[in-house]
Amino acid sequence: MNLVLDSFEFGLHTQIYYGVNKINELPTIIRKYNYKKVLICTDKGIVQSGNLKRVESLLSSAGIEFFTFTEVEPDPTIEIVQHVKNLYIENGCDALIGMGGGSSIDTAKGVSIAVVNAGDLTQYEGKDKIPNKGPEIITIPTTAGTGSEVTHATVLKDNKRHYKMGILSQHLHAKAAILDPQLLTTVPRGVAAITGMDALSHAIESYTSNQAQPITEAFGLYAIRLIGRHLRPFVARRADLNAASHMMLASTIAGAAFIWGRIAAVHAISHPLGGRLGVAHGLANSLLLPVVMRYNVSTNYEKFRDIAVALGENVEGLSLREAAERSITAVEQLIHDLEIPTTLTALGLHPSDDELDVIAKEAFESGMTSANPKDCTTADLRRMIEKIR
């Protein structure tokens, strides 16, 4: 970017409250914003972990009214959002809490849209199509991956189209995010691994995007460094609060980076992979990240060299191109160390050529590839998908 000729914008609209056991301040935060009754969107995993009971106890002790919905599932659907919207209205709530991974937070954002905007949610697909700002949201992430706690997006599944649609709007920024690393210590090992790779994909795509700017580059590269140092020990032992703390920050920082730096070909493909084949989002990103990096590496050897260094690679004595290609090696080694599958076949999936053609077409039509540092055609995306088959 030429700082003399070019211009950019950056803003973070969510107040962040970070700290071990920061969740204990939830009642104070709710009172600060004058909420009278909150609806909590969460899932069975949070119930089983004991984290929901802790939150409900905090609210009850403080005399704060709440209603809890615990049936959030991976890849939340439009139907679930509409159901929770009805519960929100019936119970007289005036604010939302999204507690869990990206699915719980995305559900809360979807409900915020539906409460004050009539009609089918598909009409709001895309960017800045939501006319009315809905009730405010407090996000409480319990995974280190999606960054949804600070982003302006929600991803909901449209079962009629077998499609995961993205809705982006300034109205979807959470009012507050509580980042408590203690909440990460109960996450299952496999979830920790793939959500960590989700965060890494956000950091790398925003850093190398053709929409990158100095602030998002700084955020993205720092998040890559944190993940390179702390993801392995976090996955190995989630009770390691030092590793959990750094991964929580890495996830949020990477989320802040891609609000403005954007995401690209990895996510363009991963969304229809999830919608069509049911591949979990973080897992889909992990499958695709080294493939897309190899496609993009020649666009900016300096940046990919810096990624390699941030991930701990020794590039001394290497040519610039060799150093850049070490970034791909580093990501592949990380995936191997985390024991994450690398092909659809390894997941027990055997899609037909026609199914993969549809996925490539939907990936291109999503518009996300417009931020990719190297132009992509549908045929290019289809070849990338073939490499993970």
Protein backbone atom coordinates (compact mmCIF):
# COMPACT_ATOMS: atom_id res chain seq x y z
CA MET A 1 0.00 0.00 0.00
CA ASN A 2 1.22 3.46 -0.92
CA LEU A 3 0.46 5.62 2.11
CA VAL A 4 0.77 8.79 0.04
CA LEU A 5 -1.66 7.77 -2.69
CA ASP A 6 -3.95 5.24 -0.98
CA SER A 7 -6.46 5.58 1.85
CA PHE A 8 -8.15 3.13 4.17
CA GLU A 9 -10.59 2.82 7.06
CA PHE A 10 -10.39 0.86 10.29
CA GLY A 11 -12.65 0.67 13.29
CA LEU A 12 -13.41 -1.74 16.10
CA HIS A 13 -16.94 -1.30 17.42
CA THR A 14 -16.95 -3.83 20.25
CA GLN A 15 -15.82 -3.10 23.80
CA ILE A 16 -13.47 -5.90 24.85
CA TYR A 17 -13.27 -7.13 28.44
CA TYR A 18 -10.31 -9.49 28.77
CA GLY A 19 -9.01 -11.45 31.74
CA VAL A 20 -8.99 -14.79 33.53
CA ASN A 21 -12.33 -15.09 35.38
CA LYS A 22 -13.55 -11.90 33.67
CA ILE A 23 -16.87 -13.68 33.25
CA ASN A 24 -17.55 -12.80 36.89
CA GLU A 25 -18.08 -9.20 35.74
CA LEU A 26 -20.97 -10.13 33.44
CA PRO A 27 -23.67 -8.74 35.78
CA THR A 28 -21.79 -5.44 36.06
CA ILE A 29 -21.47 -5.23 32.29
CA ILE A 30 -25.18 -5.96 31.79
CA ARG A 31 -26.10 -3.23 34.25
CA LYS A 32 -23.72 -0.81 32.57
CA TYR A 33 -25.79 -1.10 29.38
CA ASN A 34 -29.13 -1.05 31.26
CA TYR A 35 -30.36 -4.41 29.94
CA LYS A 36 -33.37 -5.73 31.86
CA LYS A 37 -33.69 -9.27 30.57
CA VAL A 38 -31.23 -11.13 28.34
CA LEU A 39 -31.67 -14.16 26.13
CA ILE A 40 -28.67 -16.50 26.16
CA CYS A 41 -27.94 -18.45 22.97
CA THR A 42 -25.75 -21.47 23.66
CA ASP A 43 -25.36 -25.20 23.03
CA LYS A 44 -25.31 -28.54 24.80
CA GLY A 45 -21.52 -28.56 25.03
CA ILE A 46 -21.57 -25.40 27.12
CA VAL A 47 -24.23 -26.96 29.34
CA GLN A 48 -22.13 -30.10 29.84
CA SER A 49 -18.97 -28.10 30.54
CA GLY A 50 -20.61 -26.37 33.49
CA ASN A 51 -19.94 -22.93 32.03
CA LEU A 52 -23.61 -22.16 31.45
CA LYS A 53 -24.48 -23.04 35.05
CA ARG A 54 -21.76 -20.65 36.20
CA VAL A 55 -23.20 -17.80 34.09
CA GLU A 56 -26.78 -18.48 35.17
CA SER A 57 -25.68 -18.52 38.80
CA LEU A 58 -23.93 -15.17 38.37
CA LEU A 59 -27.04 -13.61 36.86
CA SER A 60 -29.42 -15.11 39.41
CA SER A 61 -27.29 -13.93 42.32
CA ALA A 62 -27.27 -10.43 40.84
CA GLY A 63 -31.04 -10.41 40.33
CA ILE A 64 -30.76 -10.17 36.54
CA GLU A 65 -33.52 -11.81 34.53
CA PHE A 66 -32.61 -14.15 31.70
CA PHE A 67 -33.98 -16.82 29.37
CA THR A 68 -31.70 -19.56 28.04
CA PHE A 69 -31.83 -21.34 24.69
CA THR A 70 -29.49 -24.36 24.70
CA GLU A 71 -30.33 -26.01 21.37
CA VAL A 72 -27.85 -24.22 19.10
CA GLU A 73 -26.30 -26.67 16.65
CA PRO A 74 -23.27 -26.40 14.35
CA ASP A 75 -24.06 -24.34 11.24
CA PRO A 76 -27.20 -22.66 12.64
CA THR A 77 -30.12 -22.53 10.27
CA ILE A 78 -32.55 -19.79 9.35
CA GLU A 79 -35.30 -21.86 10.98
CA ILE A 80 -33.47 -21.99 14.33
CA VAL A 81 -32.93 -18.24 14.24
CA GLN A 82 -36.62 -17.59 13.61
CA HIS A 83 -37.55 -19.94 16.45
CA VAL A 84 -35.25 -18.17 18.91
CA LYS A 85 -36.55 -14.80 17.70
CA ASN A 86 -40.03 -15.88 18.77
CA LEU A 87 -38.71 -16.94 22.19
CA TYR A 88 -36.96 -13.58 22.55
CA ILE A 89 -40.19 -11.68 21.91
CA GLU A 90 -42.41 -14.00 23.98
CA ASN A 91 -40.11 -13.68 26.99
CA GLY A 92 -39.82 -9.90 26.83
CA CYS A 93 -36.06 -9.80 26.39
CA ASP A 94 -34.17 -6.63 25.46
CA ALA A 95 -30.65 -7.93 24.75
CA LEU A 96 -28.81 -11.07 23.65
CA ILE A 97 -25.84 -13.08 24.85
CA GLY A 98 -24.06 -15.39 22.41
CA MET A 99 -22.06 -17.86 24.51
CA GLY A 100 -20.06 -20.60 22.85
CA GLY A 101 -18.32 -20.99 19.53
CA GLY A 102 -19.17 -19.28 16.28
CA SER A 103 -22.51 -21.06 15.95
CA SER A 104 -23.90 -19.67 19.21
CA ILE A 105 -22.66 -16.17 18.46
CA ASP A 106 -23.93 -16.31 14.87
CA THR A 107 -27.33 -17.44 16.16
CA ALA A 108 -27.49 -14.45 18.51
CA LYS A 109 -26.60 -12.12 15.63
CA GLY A 110 -29.24 -13.72 13.43
CA VAL A 111 -31.86 -13.24 16.14
CA SER A 112 -30.85 -9.59 16.48
CA ILE A 113 -31.57 -9.16 12.77
CA ALA A 114 -34.87 -11.04 12.82
CA VAL A 115 -36.36 -9.22 15.83
CA VAL A 116 -36.58 -5.87 14.03
CA ASN A 117 -36.41 -6.78 10.32
CA ALA A 118 -39.39 -8.51 8.79
CA GLY A 119 -39.44 -11.29 6.24
CA ASP A 120 -37.10 -14.04 5.12
CA LEU A 121 -33.53 -13.60 6.32
CA THR A 122 -32.21 -14.51 2.88
CA GLN A 123 -33.12 -11.01 1.69
CA TYR A 124 -30.35 -9.66 3.93
CA GLU A 125 -27.63 -11.91 2.49
CA GLY A 126 -24.56 -9.93 1.44
CA LYS A 127 -23.24 -6.63 2.71
CA ASP A 128 -25.13 -3.74 4.32
CA LYS A 129 -28.65 -4.89 3.46
CA ILE A 130 -30.08 -4.82 6.98
CA PRO A 131 -32.24 -1.67 7.34
CA ASN A 132 -32.78 -1.69 11.11
CA LYS A 133 -30.35 -2.25 13.97
CA GLY A 134 -31.59 -4.95 16.30
CA PRO A 135 -31.11 -5.57 20.02
CA GLU A 136 -27.55 -5.40 21.31
CA ILE A 137 -25.38 -8.45 21.86
CA ILE A 138 -22.79 -9.49 24.41
CA THR A 139 -20.49 -12.19 23.06
CA ILE A 140 -18.74 -14.74 25.27
CA PRO A 141 -16.51 -16.99 23.14
CA THR A 142 -15.64 -20.42 24.52
CA THR A 143 -13.47 -21.44 21.56
CA ALA A 144 -10.43 -19.74 20.05
CA GLY A 145 -11.19 -19.63 16.38
CA THR A 146 -14.04 -17.77 14.73
CA GLY A 147 -13.37 -14.21 15.91
CA SER A 148 -17.13 -13.72 15.61
CA GLU A 149 -17.13 -11.98 18.97
CA VAL A 150 -15.84 -8.81 17.28
CA THR A 151 -16.81 -9.18 13.61
CA HIS A 152 -19.71 -7.66 11.69
CA ALA A 153 -20.83 -10.93 10.12
CA THR A 154 -23.06 -13.91 10.74
CA VAL A 155 -23.16 -17.12 8.71
CA LEU A 156 -26.45 -19.01 8.60
CA LYS A 157 -27.43 -22.13 6.72
CA ASP A 158 -30.25 -21.97 4.20
CA ASN A 159 -31.49 -25.55 4.07
CA LYS A 160 -33.56 -24.90 0.95
CA ARG A 161 -30.40 -24.12 -1.03
CA HIS A 162 -28.03 -26.33 1.01
CA TYR A 163 -26.02 -23.13 1.30
CA LYS A 164 -24.24 -21.22 4.05
CA MET A 165 -25.02 -17.57 3.50
CA GLY A 166 -23.11 -14.65 4.91
CA ILE A 167 -24.75 -11.48 6.21
CA LEU A 168 -22.45 -8.51 6.84
CA SER A 169 -23.51 -5.27 8.45
CA GLN A 170 -22.27 -2.66 10.87
CA HIS A 171 -25.42 -3.52 12.85
CA LEU A 172 -23.92 -6.93 13.72
CA HIS A 173 -20.99 -5.77 15.81
CA ALA A 174 -21.41 -6.95 19.38
CA LYS A 175 -21.74 -4.24 22.01
CA ALA A 176 -19.28 -6.07 24.26
CA ALA A 177 -17.11 -9.19 24.17
CA ILE A 178 -15.97 -10.97 27.33
CA LEU A 179 -12.72 -12.82 26.70
CA ASP A 180 -12.12 -15.17 29.60
CA PRO A 181 -9.40 -17.75 28.85
CA GLN A 182 -10.69 -19.93 31.69
CA LEU A 183 -13.69 -20.75 29.47
CA LEU A 184 -11.38 -22.37 26.89
CA THR A 185 -10.07 -24.99 29.29
CA THR A 186 -13.07 -27.30 28.81
CA VAL A 187 -13.04 -27.35 25.00
CA PRO A 188 -12.45 -30.83 23.48
CA ARG A 189 -9.06 -31.47 21.88
CA GLY A 190 -10.37 -31.85 18.34
CA VAL A 191 -12.41 -28.67 18.56
CA ALA A 192 -9.39 -26.78 19.91
CA ALA A 193 -7.34 -27.95 16.92
CA ILE A 194 -9.74 -27.04 14.12
CA THR A 195 -10.88 -23.76 15.66
CA GLY A 196 -7.24 -22.80 16.05
CA MET A 197 -6.74 -23.46 12.35
CA ASP A 198 -9.80 -21.32 11.67
CA ALA A 199 -8.12 -18.44 13.49
CA LEU A 200 -4.91 -19.03 11.53
CA SER A 201 -6.81 -18.93 8.24
CA HIS A 202 -8.34 -15.58 9.24
CA ALA A 203 -4.93 -14.19 10.12
CA ILE A 204 -3.18 -15.41 6.96
CA GLU A 205 -5.97 -14.49 4.56
CA SER A 206 -6.38 -10.98 5.99
CA TYR A 207 -2.59 -10.46 5.99
CA THR A 208 -2.15 -11.52 2.35
CA SER A 209 -5.46 -10.15 1.00
CA ASN A 210 -5.46 -7.50 -1.71
CA GLN A 211 -7.53 -5.46 0.77
CA ALA A 212 -4.86 -5.57 3.47
CA GLN A 213 -3.79 -2.26 5.02
CA PRO A 214 -1.20 -1.38 7.67
CA ILE A 215 -3.42 -1.96 10.71
CA THR A 216 -4.86 -5.28 9.52
CA GLU A 217 -1.40 -6.41 8.46
CA ALA A 218 -0.06 -5.70 11.94
CA PHE A 219 -3.00 -7.52 13.54
CA GLY A 220 -2.78 -10.47 11.14
CA LEU A 221 0.95 -11.04 11.49
CA TYR A 222 0.82 -10.76 15.28
CA ALA A 223 -2.03 -13.29 15.40
CA ILE A 224 -0.02 -15.67 13.19
CA ARG A 225 2.91 -15.39 15.60
CA LEU A 226 0.72 -16.10 18.62
CA ILE A 227 -0.86 -19.12 16.96
CA GLY A 228 2.51 -20.46 15.84
CA ARG A 229 3.77 -20.36 19.40
CA HIS A 230 0.71 -21.39 21.37
CA LEU A 231 -1.68 -23.58 19.33
CA ARG A 232 0.26 -26.80 19.78
CA PRO A 233 0.57 -26.50 23.58
CA PHE A 234 -3.05 -25.39 23.86
CA VAL A 235 -4.34 -28.40 21.92
CA ALA A 236 -2.05 -30.70 23.91
CA ARG A 237 -3.32 -29.35 27.24
CA ARG A 238 -6.31 -27.06 27.24
CA ALA A 239 -5.87 -26.44 30.98
CA ASP A 240 -2.65 -24.57 30.16
CA LEU A 241 -3.92 -21.07 30.92
CA ASN A 242 -0.91 -19.38 29.35
CA ALA A 243 -1.54 -21.11 26.02
CA ALA A 244 -5.31 -20.61 26.32
CA SER A 245 -4.87 -16.89 27.03
CA HIS A 246 -2.67 -16.34 24.00
CA MET A 247 -4.97 -18.37 21.72
CA MET A 248 -8.02 -16.41 22.87
CA LEU A 249 -6.27 -13.14 22.03
CA ALA A 250 -5.00 -14.53 18.71
CA SER A 251 -8.54 -15.48 17.69
CA THR A 252 -9.99 -12.08 18.53
CA ILE A 253 -7.10 -10.16 16.93
CA ALA A 254 -7.43 -12.24 13.74
CA GLY A 255 -11.17 -11.52 13.76
CA ALA A 256 -10.50 -7.81 14.02
CA ALA A 257 -8.01 -8.11 11.14
CA PHE A 258 -10.44 -9.71 8.70
CA ILE A 259 -13.24 -7.22 9.33
CA TRP A 260 -11.28 -4.81 7.14
CA GLY A 261 -8.56 -6.99 5.58
CA ARG A 262 -11.17 -9.53 4.50
CA ILE A 263 -11.02 -13.24 3.84
CA ALA A 264 -10.56 -14.82 0.45
CA ALA A 265 -10.36 -18.14 -1.45
CA VAL A 266 -10.07 -20.38 1.62
CA HIS A 267 -13.38 -19.18 2.99
CA ALA A 268 -14.99 -18.91 -0.44
CA ILE A 269 -14.61 -22.68 -0.77
CA SER A 270 -15.08 -23.66 2.85
CA HIS A 271 -18.58 -22.20 3.09
CA PRO A 272 -20.07 -24.38 0.32
CA LEU A 273 -18.03 -27.35 1.58
CA GLY A 274 -19.91 -26.92 4.84
CA GLY A 275 -23.26 -26.25 3.21
CA ARG A 276 -23.07 -29.11 0.71
CA LEU A 277 -20.99 -31.75 2.48
CA GLY A 278 -21.37 -30.84 6.15
CA VAL A 279 -17.67 -30.26 6.75
CA ALA A 280 -17.12 -28.26 9.95
CA HIS A 281 -15.98 -24.73 9.17
CA GLY A 282 -12.60 -24.83 10.92
CA LEU A 283 -11.86 -28.25 9.46
CA ALA A 284 -12.70 -27.06 5.94
CA ASN A 285 -10.38 -24.09 6.38
CA SER A 286 -7.62 -26.38 7.60
CA LEU A 287 -8.00 -28.61 4.52
CA LEU A 288 -7.82 -25.64 2.19
CA LEU A 289 -5.29 -23.28 3.78
CA PRO A 290 -2.03 -24.85 2.51
CA VAL A 291 -3.56 -25.41 -0.94
CA VAL A 292 -4.62 -21.78 -1.29
CA MET A 293 -1.31 -20.55 0.14
CA ARG A 294 0.55 -22.50 -2.54
CA TYR A 295 -1.67 -20.90 -5.19
CA ASN A 296 -1.04 -17.40 -3.79
CA VAL A 297 2.59 -17.53 -2.66
CA SER A 298 4.08 -15.99 -5.80
CA THR A 299 2.03 -12.79 -5.35
CA ASN A 300 4.14 -11.55 -2.46
CA TYR A 301 7.20 -13.55 -1.43
CA GLU A 302 8.04 -11.03 1.30
CA LYS A 303 4.73 -11.50 3.08
CA PHE A 304 4.85 -15.27 2.88
CA ARG A 305 8.44 -15.24 4.16
CA ASP A 306 7.21 -13.19 7.12
CA ILE A 307 4.48 -15.77 7.73
CA ALA A 308 7.13 -18.50 7.76
CA VAL A 309 9.19 -16.62 10.32
CA ALA A 310 6.11 -15.89 12.45
CA LEU A 311 5.37 -19.62 12.48
CA GLY A 312 8.87 -20.36 13.73
CA GLU A 313 10.66 -21.33 10.54
CA ASN A 314 14.41 -20.66 10.22
CA VAL A 315 14.83 -19.03 6.81
CA GLU A 316 18.44 -17.92 7.20
CA GLY A 317 20.44 -18.55 4.05
CA LEU A 318 17.39 -19.26 1.90
CA SER A 319 16.39 -17.35 -1.20
CA LEU A 320 13.33 -15.13 -0.86
CA ARG A 321 11.20 -17.65 -2.75
CA GLU A 322 12.46 -20.59 -0.69
CA ALA A 323 11.80 -18.67 2.52
CA ALA A 324 8.28 -17.82 1.35
CA GLU A 325 7.52 -21.45 0.52
CA ARG A 326 8.52 -22.42 4.05
CA SER A 327 5.27 -20.79 5.18
CA ILE A 328 3.36 -23.57 3.43
CA THR A 329 5.62 -26.23 4.95
CA ALA A 330 5.05 -24.71 8.38
CA VAL A 331 1.26 -24.80 8.03
CA GLU A 332 1.34 -28.39 6.72
CA GLN A 333 3.52 -29.45 9.65
CA LEU A 334 1.18 -27.73 12.11
CA ILE A 335 -1.81 -29.57 10.65
CA HIS A 336 0.13 -32.85 10.89
CA ASP A 337 1.11 -32.20 14.50
CA LEU A 338 -2.49 -31.44 15.41
CA GLU A 339 -3.59 -34.70 13.76
CA ILE A 340 -6.15 -33.00 11.54
CA PRO A 341 -7.25 -34.92 8.40
CA THR A 342 -6.06 -33.43 5.11
CA THR A 343 -8.52 -34.83 2.57
CA LEU A 344 -12.24 -35.30 2.13
CA THR A 345 -11.60 -39.02 1.68
CA ALA A 346 -10.00 -39.16 5.12
CA LEU A 347 -13.26 -37.71 6.46
CA GLY A 348 -15.24 -40.49 4.79
CA LEU A 349 -16.60 -38.14 2.12
CA HIS A 350 -16.67 -39.11 -1.54
CA PRO A 351 -18.42 -36.31 -3.44
CA SER A 352 -19.06 -36.69 -7.15
CA ASP A 353 -17.47 -34.50 -9.80
CA ASP A 354 -20.81 -32.76 -10.24
CA GLU A 355 -21.01 -31.94 -6.52
CA LEU A 356 -17.51 -30.48 -6.55
CA ASP A 357 -18.37 -28.46 -9.65
CA VAL A 358 -21.31 -26.91 -7.77
CA ILE A 359 -19.08 -26.12 -4.79
CA ALA A 360 -16.55 -24.38 -7.05
CA LYS A 361 -19.33 -22.41 -8.74
CA GLU A 362 -20.80 -21.30 -5.41
CA ALA A 363 -17.34 -20.40 -4.13
CA PHE A 364 -16.77 -18.11 -7.10
CA GLU A 365 -20.23 -16.57 -6.90
CA SER A 366 -19.78 -15.78 -3.19
CA GLY A 367 -17.64 -12.78 -4.10
CA MET A 368 -15.05 -13.62 -1.46
CA THR A 369 -12.40 -14.39 -4.05
CA SER A 370 -12.36 -10.72 -5.01
CA ALA A 371 -10.06 -10.19 -2.00
CA ASN A 372 -7.72 -13.01 -2.97
CA PRO A 373 -4.23 -11.71 -3.84
CA LYS A 374 -4.29 -13.76 -7.06
CA ASP A 375 -7.28 -13.74 -9.37
CA CYS A 376 -9.36 -16.93 -9.29
CA THR A 377 -11.64 -18.42 -11.88
CA THR A 378 -14.18 -21.13 -11.18
CA ALA A 379 -11.75 -23.56 -12.83
CA ASP A 380 -8.96 -22.44 -10.49
CA LEU A 381 -11.18 -23.04 -7.47
CA ARG A 382 -12.20 -26.44 -8.82
CA ARG A 383 -8.53 -27.44 -9.08
CA MET A 384 -7.96 -26.35 -5.47
CA ILE A 385 -10.86 -28.51 -4.34
CA GLU A 386 -9.48 -31.47 -6.27
CA LYS A 387 -6.26 -31.26 -4.26
CA ILE A 388 -8.14 -31.97 -1.01
CA ARG A 389 -10.30 -34.72 -2.48
